[in-house]
Amino acid sequence: MANPYESSTSTDANVDTVRHDRIATARRRVQIAILLYLCILPLNILFTSYGELIPYDGLPLVILVFLIFGFAAISVYALSSQIRTKPTTILMTAAALLPLLGFLVLLYATTMKPDERKHA
C-alpha cells in the first residue's frame, strides 16, 4: 500500500533538481569571486594612495587578497565537485589559489557544463 503522504513525483527528478540548484548556487559564488578578483586592483591603488593613513602599511590589503583567494578556491571546489571528477576538482582548487591562474580557472569554471558520465 502506498503512503498517501509521500509526493507523487519520482525521487530521481528531486535529486536532479537539488543537484541543479547546487550547481546554480556554486556558479553564483564563482561569479562573485570573479567580481572580487576584479576589485583587487582598485583596492591596491586605494591602499597605495592612502597607505600613510592606514596602519601596518598594506597588511589589510594582504588579508583581503588572501580572503578573496580562499573564497575563490572554495567556490571552485563547490562547483567542480558537482560537475567534474575528484582529481579534476583538486587540481582546479589548487590552481584557484594562484593569483593569475586562479582568475583563469574562475573564468573557465563559469563555462563548465555538467559531465553526464559522472552522474549517469
PDB file of N, CA and C in Angstrom:
ATOM      1  N   MET A   1       0.842  -1.173   0.000  1.00  0.00           N
ATOM      2  CA  MET A   1       0.000   0.000   0.000  1.00  0.00           C
ATOM      3  C   MET A   1       0.889   1.239   0.000  1.00  0.00           C
ATOM      4  N   ALA A   2       0.562   2.174  -0.840  1.00  0.00           N
ATOM      5  CA  ALA A   2       1.361   3.390  -0.985  1.00  0.00           C
ATOM      6  C   ALA A   2       1.050   4.365   0.145  1.00  0.00           C
ATOM      7  N   ASN A   3       2.053   5.102   0.508  1.00  0.00           N
ATOM      8  CA  ASN A   3       1.895   6.101   1.551  1.00  0.00           C
ATOM      9  C   ASN A   3       1.211   7.338   0.961  1.00  0.00           C
ATOM     10  N   PRO A   4       0.076   7.762   1.494  1.00  0.00           N
ATOM     11  CA  PRO A   4      -0.621   8.913   0.910  1.00  0.00           C
ATOM     12  C   PRO A   4       0.076  10.247   1.202  1.00  0.00           C
ATOM     13  N   TYR A   5       1.058  10.250   2.106  1.00  0.00           N
ATOM     14  CA  TYR A   5       1.736  11.491   2.461  1.00  0.00           C
ATOM     15  C   TYR A   5       3.021  11.722   1.665  1.00  0.00           C
ATOM     16  N   GLU A   6       3.422  10.742   0.861  1.00  0.00           N
ATOM     17  CA  GLU A   6       4.602  10.912   0.022  1.00  0.00           C
ATOM     18  C   GLU A   6       4.224  11.662  -1.242  1.00  0.00           C
ATOM     19  N   SER A   7       5.183  12.374  -1.788  1.00  0.00           N
ATOM     20  CA  SER A   7       4.895  13.082  -3.026  1.00  0.00           C
ATOM     21  C   SER A   7       4.805  12.094  -4.174  1.00  0.00           C
ATOM     22  N   SER A   8       4.044  12.451  -5.177  1.00  0.00           N
ATOM     23  CA  SER A   8       3.832  11.549  -6.294  1.00  0.00           C
ATOM     24  C   SER A   8       4.936  11.653  -7.334  1.00  0.00           C
ATOM     25  N   THR A   9       5.842  12.631  -7.212  1.00  0.00           N
ATOM     26  CA  THR A   9       6.936  12.767  -8.163  1.00  0.00           C
ATOM     27  C   THR A   9       8.017  11.756  -7.845  1.00  0.00           C
ATOM     28  N   SER A  10       8.782  11.422  -8.860  1.00  0.00           N
ATOM     29  CA  SER A  10       9.840  10.436  -8.652  1.00  0.00           C
ATOM     30  C   SER A  10      11.000  11.081  -7.900  1.00  0.00           C
ATOM     31  N   THR A  11      11.758  10.257  -7.209  1.00  0.00           N
ATOM     32  CA  THR A  11      12.889  10.768  -6.437  1.00  0.00           C
ATOM     33  C   THR A  11      14.032  11.172  -7.348  1.00  0.00           C
ATOM     34  N   ASP A  12      14.132  10.573  -8.555  1.00  0.00           N
ATOM     35  CA  ASP A  12      15.191  10.958  -9.490  1.00  0.00           C
ATOM     36  C   ASP A  12      15.031  12.413  -9.918  1.00  0.00           C
ATOM     37  N   ALA A  13      13.807  12.832 -10.133  1.00  0.00           N
ATOM     38  CA  ALA A  13      13.574  14.234 -10.507  1.00  0.00           C
ATOM     39  C   ALA A  13      13.948  15.160  -9.361  1.00  0.00           C
ATOM     40  N   ASN A  14      13.665  14.745  -8.135  1.00  0.00           N
ATOM     41  CA  ASN A  14      14.027  15.572  -6.973  1.00  0.00           C
ATOM     42  C   ASN A  14      15.541  15.664  -6.817  1.00  0.00           C
ATOM     43  N   VAL A  15      16.230  14.546  -7.046  1.00  0.00           N
ATOM     44  CA  VAL A  15      17.687  14.539  -6.935  1.00  0.00           C
ATOM     45  C   VAL A  15      18.286  15.437  -8.004  1.00  0.00           C
ATOM     46  N   ASP A  16      17.776  15.375  -9.238  1.00  0.00           N
ATOM     47  CA  ASP A  16      18.272  16.248 -10.301  1.00  0.00           C
ATOM     48  C   ASP A  16      18.013  17.714  -9.989  1.00  0.00           C
ATOM     49  N   THR A  17      16.851  18.007  -9.426  1.00  0.00           N
ATOM     50  CA  THR A  17      16.531  19.391  -9.077  1.00  0.00           C
ATOM     51  C   THR A  17      17.477  19.910  -8.006  1.00  0.00           C
ATOM     52  N   VAL A  18      17.744  19.107  -7.006  1.00  0.00           N
ATOM     53  CA  VAL A  18      18.673  19.507  -5.938  1.00  0.00           C
ATOM     54  C   VAL A  18      20.071  19.706  -6.501  1.00  0.00           C
ATOM     55  N   ARG A  19      20.503  18.816  -7.389  1.00  0.00           N
ATOM     56  CA  ARG A  19      21.836  18.932  -7.998  1.00  0.00           C
ATOM     57  C   ARG A  19      21.933  20.204  -8.828  1.00  0.00           C
ATOM     58  N   HIS A  20      20.917  20.500  -9.613  1.00  0.00           N
ATOM     59  CA  HIS A  20      20.941  21.710 -10.431  1.00  0.00           C
ATOM     60  C   HIS A  20      20.912  22.968  -9.560  1.00  0.00           C
ATOM     61  N   ASP A  21      20.208  22.919  -8.450  1.00  0.00           N
ATOM     62  CA  ASP A  21      20.209  24.060  -7.524  1.00  0.00           C
ATOM     63  C   ASP A  21      21.597  24.275  -6.927  1.00  0.00           C
ATOM     64  N   ARG A  22      22.269  23.179  -6.571  1.00  0.00           N
ATOM     65  CA  ARG A  22      23.624  23.296  -6.020  1.00  0.00           C
ATOM     66  C   ARG A  22      24.594  23.840  -7.059  1.00  0.00           C
ATOM     67  N   ILE A  23      24.456  23.391  -8.308  1.00  0.00           N
ATOM     68  CA  ILE A  23      25.319  23.894  -9.377  1.00  0.00           C
ATOM     69  C   ILE A  23      25.073  25.379  -9.590  1.00  0.00           C
ATOM     70  N   ALA A  24      23.810  25.791  -9.590  1.00  0.00           N
ATOM     71  CA  ALA A  24      23.494  27.216  -9.792  1.00  0.00           C
ATOM     72  C   ALA A  24      24.048  28.074  -8.660  1.00  0.00           C
ATOM     73  N   THR A  25      23.940  27.590  -7.431  1.00  0.00           N
ATOM     74  CA  THR A  25      24.486  28.331  -6.289  1.00  0.00           C
ATOM     75  C   THR A  25      26.008  28.426  -6.378  1.00  0.00           C
ATOM     76  N   ALA A  26      26.650  27.334  -6.756  1.00  0.00           N
ATOM     77  CA  ALA A  26      28.107  27.341  -6.877  1.00  0.00           C
ATOM     78  C   ALA A  26      28.555  28.267  -8.000  1.00  0.00           C
ATOM     79  N   ARG A  27      27.824  28.292  -9.108  1.00  0.00           N
ATOM     80  CA  ARG A  27      28.178  29.211 -10.204  1.00  0.00           C
ATOM     81  C   ARG A  27      28.034  30.664  -9.763  1.00  0.00           C
ATOM     82  N   ARG A  28      27.012  30.938  -8.998  1.00  0.00           N
ATOM     83  CA  ARG A  28      26.822  32.294  -8.493  1.00  0.00           C
ATOM     84  C   ARG A  28      28.003  32.695  -7.609  1.00  0.00           C
ATOM     85  N   ARG A  29      28.480  31.782  -6.790  1.00  0.00           N
ATOM     86  CA  ARG A  29      29.635  32.079  -5.935  1.00  0.00           C
ATOM     87  C   ARG A  29      30.898  32.301  -6.760  1.00  0.00           C
ATOM     88  N   VAL A  30      31.059  31.527  -7.834  1.00  0.00           N
ATOM     89  CA  VAL A  30      32.214  31.721  -8.710  1.00  0.00           C
ATOM     90  C   VAL A  30      32.143  33.092  -9.372  1.00  0.00           C
ATOM     91  N   GLN A  31      30.960  33.507  -9.779  1.00  0.00           N
ATOM     92  CA  GLN A  31      30.814  34.827 -10.388  1.00  0.00           C
ATOM     93  C   GLN A  31      31.116  35.943  -9.376  1.00  0.00           C
ATOM     94  N   ILE A  32      30.716  35.750  -8.141  1.00  0.00           N
ATOM     95  CA  ILE A  32      31.059  36.715  -7.095  1.00  0.00           C
ATOM     96  C   ILE A  32      32.568  36.746  -6.882  1.00  0.00           C
ATOM     97  N   ALA A  33      33.208  35.575  -6.929  1.00  0.00           N
ATOM     98  CA  ALA A  33      34.668  35.522  -6.779  1.00  0.00           C
ATOM     99  C   ALA A  33      35.362  36.262  -7.922  1.00  0.00           C
ATOM    100  N   ILE A  34      34.809  36.177  -9.134  1.00  0.00           N
ATOM    101  CA  ILE A  34      35.378  36.923 -10.261  1.00  0.00           C
ATOM    102  C   ILE A  34      35.285  38.421  -9.989  1.00  0.00           C
ATOM    103  N   LEU A  35      34.142  38.867  -9.509  1.00  0.00           N
ATOM    104  CA  LEU A  35      33.990  40.290  -9.195  1.00  0.00           C
ATOM    105  C   LEU A  35      34.960  40.725  -8.099  1.00  0.00           C
ATOM    106  N   LEU A  36      35.174  39.872  -7.112  1.00  0.00           N
ATOM    107  CA  LEU A  36      36.128  40.204  -6.051  1.00  0.00           C
ATOM    108  C   LEU A  36      37.555  40.265  -6.589  1.00  0.00           C
ATOM    109  N   TYR A  37      37.882  39.343  -7.512  1.00  0.00           N
ATOM    110  CA  TYR A  37      39.195  39.388  -8.150  1.00  0.00           C
ATOM    111  C   TYR A  37      39.392  40.720  -8.867  1.00  0.00           C
ATOM    112  N   LEU A  38      38.345  41.184  -9.549  1.00  0.00           N
ATOM    113  CA  LEU A  38      38.445  42.449 -10.278  1.00  0.00           C
ATOM    114  C   LEU A  38      38.553  43.643  -9.328  1.00  0.00           C
ATOM    115  N   CYS A  39      38.161  43.473  -8.082  1.00  0.00           N
ATOM    116  CA  CYS A  39      38.270  44.548  -7.088  1.00  0.00           C
ATOM    117  C   CYS A  39      39.661  44.640  -6.473  1.00  0.00           C
ATOM    118  N   ILE A  40      40.513  43.662  -6.730  1.00  0.00           N
ATOM    119  CA  ILE A  40      41.845  43.671  -6.122  1.00  0.00           C
ATOM    120  C   ILE A  40      42.663  44.863  -6.621  1.00  0.00           C
ATOM    121  N   LEU A  41      42.619  45.151  -7.921  1.00  0.00           N
ATOM    122  CA  LEU A  41      43.413  46.260  -8.453  1.00  0.00           C
ATOM    123  C   LEU A  41      42.974  47.614  -7.888  1.00  0.00           C
ATOM    124  N   PRO A  42      41.673  47.936  -7.868  1.00  0.00           N
ATOM    125  CA  PRO A  42      41.300  49.206  -7.233  1.00  0.00           C
ATOM    126  C   PRO A  42      41.655  49.257  -5.747  1.00  0.00           C
ATOM    127  N   LEU A  43      41.551  48.134  -5.061  1.00  0.00           N
ATOM    128  CA  LEU A  43      41.950  48.105  -3.651  1.00  0.00           C
ATOM    129  C   LEU A  43      43.439  48.365  -3.503  1.00  0.00           C
ATOM    130  N   ASN A  44      44.230  47.803  -4.407  1.00  0.00           N
ATOM    131  CA  ASN A  44      45.669  48.026  -4.364  1.00  0.00           C
ATOM    132  C   ASN A  44      45.981  49.502  -4.593  1.00  0.00           C
ATOM    133  N   ILE A  45      45.321  50.122  -5.554  1.00  0.00           N
ATOM    134  CA  ILE A  45      45.533  51.549  -5.807  1.00  0.00           C
ATOM    135  C   ILE A  45      45.107  52.377  -4.599  1.00  0.00           C
ATOM    136  N   LEU A  46      43.986  52.013  -3.998  1.00  0.00           N
ATOM    137  CA  LEU A  46      43.495  52.735  -2.827  1.00  0.00           C
ATOM    138  C   LEU A  46      44.472  52.640  -1.664  1.00  0.00           C
ATOM    139  N   PHE A  47      44.965  51.423  -1.415  1.00  0.00           N
ATOM    140  CA  PHE A  47      45.866  51.241  -0.273  1.00  0.00           C
ATOM    141  C   PHE A  47      47.225  51.877  -0.522  1.00  0.00           C
ATOM    142  N   THR A  48      47.693  51.920  -1.767  1.00  0.00           N
ATOM    143  CA  THR A  48      48.985  52.571  -2.014  1.00  0.00           C
ATOM    144  C   THR A  48      48.852  54.087  -2.002  1.00  0.00           C
ATOM    145  N   SER A  49      47.685  54.604  -2.404  1.00  0.00           N
ATOM    146  CA  SER A  49      47.484  56.053  -2.396  1.00  0.00           C
ATOM    147  C   SER A  49      47.340  56.598  -0.981  1.00  0.00           C
ATOM    148  N   TYR A  50      46.630  55.861  -0.145  1.00  0.00           N
ATOM    149  CA  TYR A  50      46.366  56.316   1.219  1.00  0.00           C
ATOM    150  C   TYR A  50      47.063  55.435   2.249  1.00  0.00           C
ATOM    151  N   GLY A  51      48.207  54.872   1.869  1.00  0.00           N
ATOM    152  CA  GLY A  51      48.924  53.960   2.750  1.00  0.00           C
ATOM    153  C   GLY A  51      49.401  54.589   4.032  1.00  0.00           C
ATOM    154  N   GLU A  52      49.695  55.885   3.990  1.00  0.00           N
ATOM    155  CA  GLU A  52      50.193  56.534   5.205  1.00  0.00           C
ATOM    156  C   GLU A  52      49.090  56.731   6.236  1.00  0.00           C
ATOM    157  N   LEU A  53      47.841  56.701   5.789  1.00  0.00           N
ATOM    158  CA  LEU A  53      46.730  56.855   6.728  1.00  0.00           C
ATOM    159  C   LEU A  53      46.307  55.527   7.358  1.00  0.00           C
ATOM    160  N   ILE A  54      46.696  54.437   6.735  1.00  0.00           N
ATOM    161  CA  ILE A  54      46.292  53.107   7.210  1.00  0.00           C
ATOM    162  C   ILE A  54      47.459  52.491   7.972  1.00  0.00           C
ATOM    163  N   PRO A  55      47.223  52.065   9.192  1.00  0.00           N
ATOM    164  CA  PRO A  55      48.327  51.464   9.956  1.00  0.00           C
ATOM    165  C   PRO A  55      48.735  50.108   9.372  1.00  0.00           C
ATOM    166  N   TYR A  56      49.927  49.702   9.664  1.00  0.00           N
ATOM    167  CA  TYR A  56      50.520  48.433   9.253  1.00  0.00           C
ATOM    168  C   TYR A  56      50.719  48.346   7.745  1.00  0.00           C
ATOM    169  N   ASP A  57      50.700  49.451   7.043  1.00  0.00           N
ATOM    170  CA  ASP A  57      51.179  49.638   5.671  1.00  0.00           C
ATOM    171  C   ASP A  57      50.890  48.485   4.698  1.00  0.00           C
ATOM    172  N   GLY A  58      49.725  48.111   4.491  1.00  0.00           N
ATOM    173  CA  GLY A  58      49.384  47.113   3.481  1.00  0.00           C
ATOM    174  C   GLY A  58      48.928  45.788   4.040  1.00  0.00           C
ATOM    175  N   LEU A  59      49.005  45.605   5.326  1.00  0.00           N
ATOM    176  CA  LEU A  59      48.537  44.355   5.910  1.00  0.00           C
ATOM    177  C   LEU A  59      47.048  44.121   5.654  1.00  0.00           C
ATOM    178  N   PRO A  60      46.209  45.147   5.725  1.00  0.00           N
ATOM    179  CA  PRO A  60      44.794  44.912   5.407  1.00  0.00           C
ATOM    180  C   PRO A  60      44.590  44.442   3.965  1.00  0.00           C
ATOM    181  N   LEU A  61      45.385  44.962   3.026  1.00  0.00           N
ATOM    182  CA  LEU A  61      45.275  44.535   1.635  1.00  0.00           C
ATOM    183  C   LEU A  61      45.684  43.074   1.482  1.00  0.00           C
ATOM    184  N   VAL A  62      46.741  42.691   2.139  1.00  0.00           N
ATOM    185  CA  VAL A  62      47.202  41.304   2.069  1.00  0.00           C
ATOM    186  C   VAL A  62      46.140  40.367   2.643  1.00  0.00           C
ATOM    187  N   ILE A  63      45.542  40.750   3.744  1.00  0.00           N
ATOM    188  CA  ILE A  63      44.491  39.922   4.353  1.00  0.00           C
ATOM    189  C   ILE A  63      43.289  39.819   3.415  1.00  0.00           C
ATOM    190  N   LEU A  64      42.892  40.945   2.804  1.00  0.00           N
ATOM    191  CA  LEU A  64      41.765  40.916   1.865  1.00  0.00           C
ATOM    192  C   LEU A  64      42.058  40.036   0.649  1.00  0.00           C
ATOM    193  N   VAL A  65      43.265  40.115   0.125  1.00  0.00           N
ATOM    194  CA  VAL A  65      43.627  39.308  -1.039  1.00  0.00           C
ATOM    195  C   VAL A  65      43.599  37.826  -0.681  1.00  0.00           C
ATOM    196  N   PHE A  66      44.124  37.464   0.477  1.00  0.00           N
ATOM    197  CA  PHE A  66      44.081  36.060   0.885  1.00  0.00           C
ATOM    198  C   PHE A  66      42.646  35.581   1.112  1.00  0.00           C
ATOM    199  N   LEU A  67      41.802  36.436   1.641  1.00  0.00           N
ATOM    200  CA  LEU A  67      40.398  36.071   1.807  1.00  0.00           C
ATOM    201  C   LEU A  67      39.708  35.874   0.454  1.00  0.00           C
ATOM    202  N   ILE A  68      40.031  36.720  -0.503  1.00  0.00           N
ATOM    203  CA  ILE A  68      39.458  36.576  -1.847  1.00  0.00           C
ATOM    204  C   ILE A  68      39.947  35.289  -2.498  1.00  0.00           C
ATOM    205  N   PHE A  69      41.248  34.988  -2.377  1.00  0.00           N
ATOM    206  CA  PHE A  69      41.772  33.744  -2.942  1.00  0.00           C
ATOM    207  C   PHE A  69      41.125  32.529  -2.286  1.00  0.00           C
ATOM    208  N   GLY A  70      40.943  32.581  -0.971  1.00  0.00           N
ATOM    209  CA  GLY A  70      40.299  31.469  -0.269  1.00  0.00           C
ATOM    210  C   GLY A  70      38.854  31.291  -0.701  1.00  0.00           C
ATOM    211  N   PHE A  71      38.119  32.401  -0.821  1.00  0.00           N
ATOM    212  CA  PHE A  71      36.731  32.321  -1.279  1.00  0.00           C
ATOM    213  C   PHE A  71      36.660  31.769  -2.695  1.00  0.00           C
ATOM    214  N   ALA A  72      37.601  32.188  -3.556  1.00  0.00           N
ATOM    215  CA  ALA A  72      37.623  31.686  -4.927  1.00  0.00           C
ATOM    216  C   ALA A  72      37.896  30.187  -4.958  1.00  0.00           C
ATOM    217  N   ALA A  73      38.832  29.720  -4.142  1.00  0.00           N
ATOM    218  CA  ALA A  73      39.147  28.290  -4.116  1.00  0.00           C
ATOM    219  C   ALA A  73      37.968  27.476  -3.605  1.00  0.00           C
ATOM    220  N   ILE A  74      37.304  27.957  -2.573  1.00  0.00           N
ATOM    221  CA  ILE A  74      36.131  27.257  -2.048  1.00  0.00           C
ATOM    222  C   ILE A  74      35.016  27.238  -3.080  1.00  0.00           C
ATOM    223  N   SER A  75      34.839  28.325  -3.803  1.00  0.00           N
ATOM    224  CA  SER A  75      33.796  28.396  -4.819  1.00  0.00           C
ATOM    225  C   SER A  75      34.076  27.443  -5.972  1.00  0.00           C
ATOM    226  N   VAL A  76      35.334  27.402  -6.412  1.00  0.00           N
ATOM    227  CA  VAL A  76      35.696  26.489  -7.496  1.00  0.00           C
ATOM    228  C   VAL A  76      35.534  25.046  -7.044  1.00  0.00           C
ATOM    229  N   TYR A  77      35.903  24.747  -5.813  1.00  0.00           N
ATOM    230  CA  TYR A  77      35.731  23.383  -5.304  1.00  0.00           C
ATOM    231  C   TYR A  77      34.252  22.995  -5.266  1.00  0.00           C
ATOM    232  N   ALA A  78      33.407  23.900  -4.804  1.00  0.00           N
ATOM    233  CA  ALA A  78      31.979  23.590  -4.723  1.00  0.00           C
ATOM    234  C   ALA A  78      31.385  23.336  -6.103  1.00  0.00           C
ATOM    235  N   LEU A  79      31.805  24.103  -7.087  1.00  0.00           N
ATOM    236  CA  LEU A  79      31.266  23.929  -8.437  1.00  0.00           C
ATOM    237  C   LEU A  79      31.839  22.701  -9.119  1.00  0.00           C
ATOM    238  N   SER A  80      33.139  22.549  -9.083  1.00  0.00           N
ATOM    239  CA  SER A  80      33.739  21.433  -9.809  1.00  0.00           C
ATOM    240  C   SER A  80      33.460  20.090  -9.147  1.00  0.00           C
ATOM    241  N   SER A  81      33.185  20.068  -7.844  1.00  0.00           N
ATOM    242  CA  SER A  81      32.829  18.798  -7.211  1.00  0.00           C
ATOM    243  C   SER A  81      31.449  18.325  -7.647  1.00  0.00           C
ATOM    244  N   GLN A  82      30.601  19.253  -8.070  1.00  0.00           N
ATOM    245  CA  GLN A  82      29.285  18.881  -8.586  1.00  0.00           C
ATOM    246  C   GLN A  82      29.344  18.459 -10.055  1.00  0.00           C
ATOM    247  N   ILE A  83      30.361  18.930 -10.773  1.00  0.00           N
ATOM    248  CA  ILE A  83      30.393  18.732 -12.221  1.00  0.00           C
ATOM    249  C   ILE A  83      31.486  17.763 -12.664  1.00  0.00           C
ATOM    250  N   ARG A  84      32.649  17.842 -12.061  1.00  0.00           N
ATOM    251  CA  ARG A  84      33.801  17.067 -12.524  1.00  0.00           C
ATOM    252  C   ARG A  84      34.167  15.944 -11.549  1.00  0.00           C
ATOM    253  N   THR A  85      35.194  15.184 -11.936  1.00  0.00           N
ATOM    254  CA  THR A  85      35.674  14.096 -11.094  1.00  0.00           C
ATOM    255  C   THR A  85      36.563  14.655  -9.984  1.00  0.00           C
ATOM    256  N   LYS A  86      36.896  13.810  -9.019  1.00  0.00           N
ATOM    257  CA  LYS A  86      37.668  14.238  -7.852  1.00  0.00           C
ATOM    258  C   LYS A  86      39.069  14.766  -8.207  1.00  0.00           C
ATOM    259  N   PRO A  87      39.853  14.076  -9.059  1.00  0.00           N
ATOM    260  CA  PRO A  87      41.187  14.627  -9.380  1.00  0.00           C
ATOM    261  C   PRO A  87      41.114  15.991 -10.072  1.00  0.00           C
ATOM    262  N   THR A  88      40.144  16.164 -10.952  1.00  0.00           N
ATOM    263  CA  THR A  88      39.984  17.452 -11.625  1.00  0.00           C
ATOM    264  C   THR A  88      39.591  18.526 -10.620  1.00  0.00           C
ATOM    265  N   THR A  89      38.738  18.167  -9.677  1.00  0.00           N
ATOM    266  CA  THR A  89      38.314  19.105  -8.642  1.00  0.00           C
ATOM    267  C   THR A  89      39.497  19.572  -7.812  1.00  0.00           C
ATOM    268  N   ILE A  90      40.343  18.657  -7.414  1.00  0.00           N
ATOM    269  CA  ILE A  90      41.508  19.000  -6.598  1.00  0.00           C
ATOM    270  C   ILE A  90      42.483  19.864  -7.387  1.00  0.00           C
ATOM    271  N   LEU A  91      42.695  19.537  -8.652  1.00  0.00           N
ATOM    272  CA  LEU A  91      43.605  20.308  -9.494  1.00  0.00           C
ATOM    273  C   LEU A  91      43.091  21.730  -9.702  1.00  0.00           C
ATOM    274  N   MET A  92      41.807  21.881  -9.975  1.00  0.00           N
ATOM    275  CA  MET A  92      41.243  23.208 -10.195  1.00  0.00           C
ATOM    276  C   MET A  92      41.245  24.036  -8.907  1.00  0.00           C
ATOM    277  N   THR A  93      41.010  23.389  -7.775  1.00  0.00           N
ATOM    278  CA  THR A  93      41.023  24.107  -6.496  1.00  0.00           C
ATOM    279  C   THR A  93      42.430  24.600  -6.176  1.00  0.00           C
ATOM    280  N   ALA A  94      43.434  23.763  -6.417  1.00  0.00           N
ATOM    281  CA  ALA A  94      44.816  24.178  -6.174  1.00  0.00           C
ATOM    282  C   ALA A  94      45.209  25.313  -7.119  1.00  0.00           C
ATOM    283  N   ALA A  95      44.760  25.240  -8.370  1.00  0.00           N
ATOM    284  CA  ALA A  95      45.085  26.297  -9.333  1.00  0.00           C
ATOM    285  C   ALA A  95      44.380  27.601  -8.982  1.00  0.00           C
ATOM    286  N   ALA A  96      43.226  27.522  -8.339  1.00  0.00           N
ATOM    287  CA  ALA A  96      42.493  28.736  -7.967  1.00  0.00           C
ATOM    288  C   ALA A  96      43.209  29.532  -6.887  1.00  0.00           C
ATOM    289  N   LEU A  97      44.135  28.924  -6.186  1.00  0.00           N
ATOM    290  CA  LEU A  97      44.878  29.624  -5.141  1.00  0.00           C
ATOM    291  C   LEU A  97      46.023  30.464  -5.692  1.00  0.00           C
ATOM    292  N   LEU A  98      46.404  30.232  -6.951  1.00  0.00           N
ATOM    293  CA  LEU A  98      47.470  31.015  -7.574  1.00  0.00           C
ATOM    294  C   LEU A  98      46.864  32.264  -8.204  1.00  0.00           C
ATOM    295  N   PRO A  99      47.512  33.403  -8.055  1.00  0.00           N
ATOM    296  CA  PRO A  99      46.870  34.661  -8.438  1.00  0.00           C
ATOM    297  C   PRO A  99      46.343  34.746  -9.869  1.00  0.00           C
ATOM    298  N   LEU A 100      47.156  34.687 -10.891  1.00  0.00           N
ATOM    299  CA  LEU A 100      46.654  34.865 -12.253  1.00  0.00           C
ATOM    300  C   LEU A 100      45.988  33.598 -12.763  1.00  0.00           C
ATOM    301  N   LEU A 101      46.570  32.466 -12.467  1.00  0.00           N
ATOM    302  CA  LEU A 101      45.982  31.203 -12.888  1.00  0.00           C
ATOM    303  C   LEU A 101      44.617  30.995 -12.235  1.00  0.00           C
ATOM    304  N   GLY A 102      44.472  31.463 -11.021  1.00  0.00           N
ATOM    305  CA  GLY A 102      43.184  31.356 -10.340  1.00  0.00           C
ATOM    306  C   GLY A 102      42.094  32.131 -11.046  1.00  0.00           C
ATOM    307  N   PHE A 103      42.433  33.292 -11.588  1.00  0.00           N
ATOM    308  CA  PHE A 103      41.443  34.073 -12.334  1.00  0.00           C
ATOM    309  C   PHE A 103      41.029  33.339 -13.602  1.00  0.00           C
ATOM    310  N   LEU A 104      41.985  32.709 -14.272  1.00  0.00           N
ATOM    311  CA  LEU A 104      41.650  31.935 -15.469  1.00  0.00           C
ATOM    312  C   LEU A 104      40.792  30.722 -15.126  1.00  0.00           C
ATOM    313  N   VAL A 105      41.080  30.087 -14.002  1.00  0.00           N
ATOM    314  CA  VAL A 105      40.263  28.954 -13.559  1.00  0.00           C
ATOM    315  C   VAL A 105      38.840  29.416 -13.245  1.00  0.00           C
ATOM    316  N   LEU A 106      38.701  30.575 -12.632  1.00  0.00           N
ATOM    317  CA  LEU A 106      37.368  31.102 -12.354  1.00  0.00           C
ATOM    318  C   LEU A 106      36.597  31.372 -13.641  1.00  0.00           C
ATOM    319  N   LEU A 107      37.270  31.940 -14.628  1.00  0.00           N
ATOM    320  CA  LEU A 107      36.603  32.196 -15.897  1.00  0.00           C
ATOM    321  C   LEU A 107      36.211  30.889 -16.580  1.00  0.00           C
ATOM    322  N   TYR A 108      37.083  29.878 -16.500  1.00  0.00           N
ATOM    323  CA  TYR A 108      36.752  28.579 -17.086  1.00  0.00           C
ATOM    324  C   TYR A 108      35.603  27.909 -16.328  1.00  0.00           C
ATOM    325  N   ALA A 109      35.589  28.071 -15.021  1.00  0.00           N
ATOM    326  CA  ALA A 109      34.574  27.404 -14.203  1.00  0.00           C
ATOM    327  C   ALA A 109      33.172  27.920 -14.509  1.00  0.00           C
ATOM    328  N   THR A 110      33.061  29.159 -14.932  1.00  0.00           N
ATOM    329  CA  THR A 110      31.729  29.673 -15.250  1.00  0.00           C
ATOM    330  C   THR A 110      31.191  29.090 -16.541  1.00  0.00           C
ATOM    331  N   THR A 111      32.058  28.517 -17.385  1.00  0.00           N
ATOM    332  CA  THR A 111      31.607  27.938 -18.648  1.00  0.00           C
ATOM    333  C   THR A 111      31.496  26.425 -18.603  1.00  0.00           C
ATOM    334  N   MET A 112      31.803  25.797 -17.466  1.00  0.00           N
ATOM    335  CA  MET A 112      31.753  24.339 -17.381  1.00  0.00           C
ATOM    336  C   MET A 112      30.326  23.838 -17.518  1.00  0.00           C
ATOM    337  N   LYS A 113      30.202  22.757 -18.251  1.00  0.00           N
ATOM    338  CA  LYS A 113      28.915  22.093 -18.373  1.00  0.00           C
ATOM    339  C   LYS A 113      28.983  20.789 -17.587  1.00  0.00           C
ATOM    340  N   PRO A 114      27.866  20.344 -17.040  1.00  0.00           N
ATOM    341  CA  PRO A 114      27.883  19.099 -16.253  1.00  0.00           C
ATOM    342  C   PRO A 114      28.339  17.914 -17.081  1.00  0.00           C
ATOM    343  N   ASP A 115      29.180  17.097 -16.492  1.00  0.00           N
ATOM    344  CA  ASP A 115      29.656  15.877 -17.127  1.00  0.00           C
ATOM    345  C   ASP A 115      28.647  14.781 -16.849  1.00  0.00           C
ATOM    346  N   GLU A 116      27.939  14.363 -17.864  1.00  0.00           N
ATOM    347  CA  GLU A 116      26.874  13.377 -17.672  1.00  0.00           C
ATOM    348  C   GLU A 116      27.409  12.009 -17.265  1.00  0.00           C
ATOM    349  N   ARG A 117      28.678  11.720 -17.600  1.00  0.00           N
ATOM    350  CA  ARG A 117      29.240  10.420 -17.240  1.00  0.00           C
ATOM    351  C   ARG A 117      29.406  10.264 -15.738  1.00  0.00           C
ATOM    352  N   LYS A 118      29.624  11.375 -15.041  1.00  0.00           N
ATOM    353  CA  LYS A 118      29.845  11.290 -13.598  1.00  0.00           C
ATOM    354  C   LYS A 118      28.593  10.874 -12.851  1.00  0.00           C
ATOM    355  N   HIS A 119      27.439  11.396 -13.244  1.00  0.00           N
ATOM    356  CA  HIS A 119      26.213  11.134 -12.501  1.00  0.00           C
ATOM    357  C   HIS A 119      25.234  10.288 -13.288  1.00  0.00           C
ATOM    358  N   ALA A 120      25.718   9.526 -14.231  1.00  0.00           N
ATOM    359  CA  ALA A 120      24.800   8.695 -15.030  1.00  0.00           C
ATOM    360  C   ALA A 120      24.437   7.430 -14.302  1.00  0.00           C
TER     361      ALA A 120
END
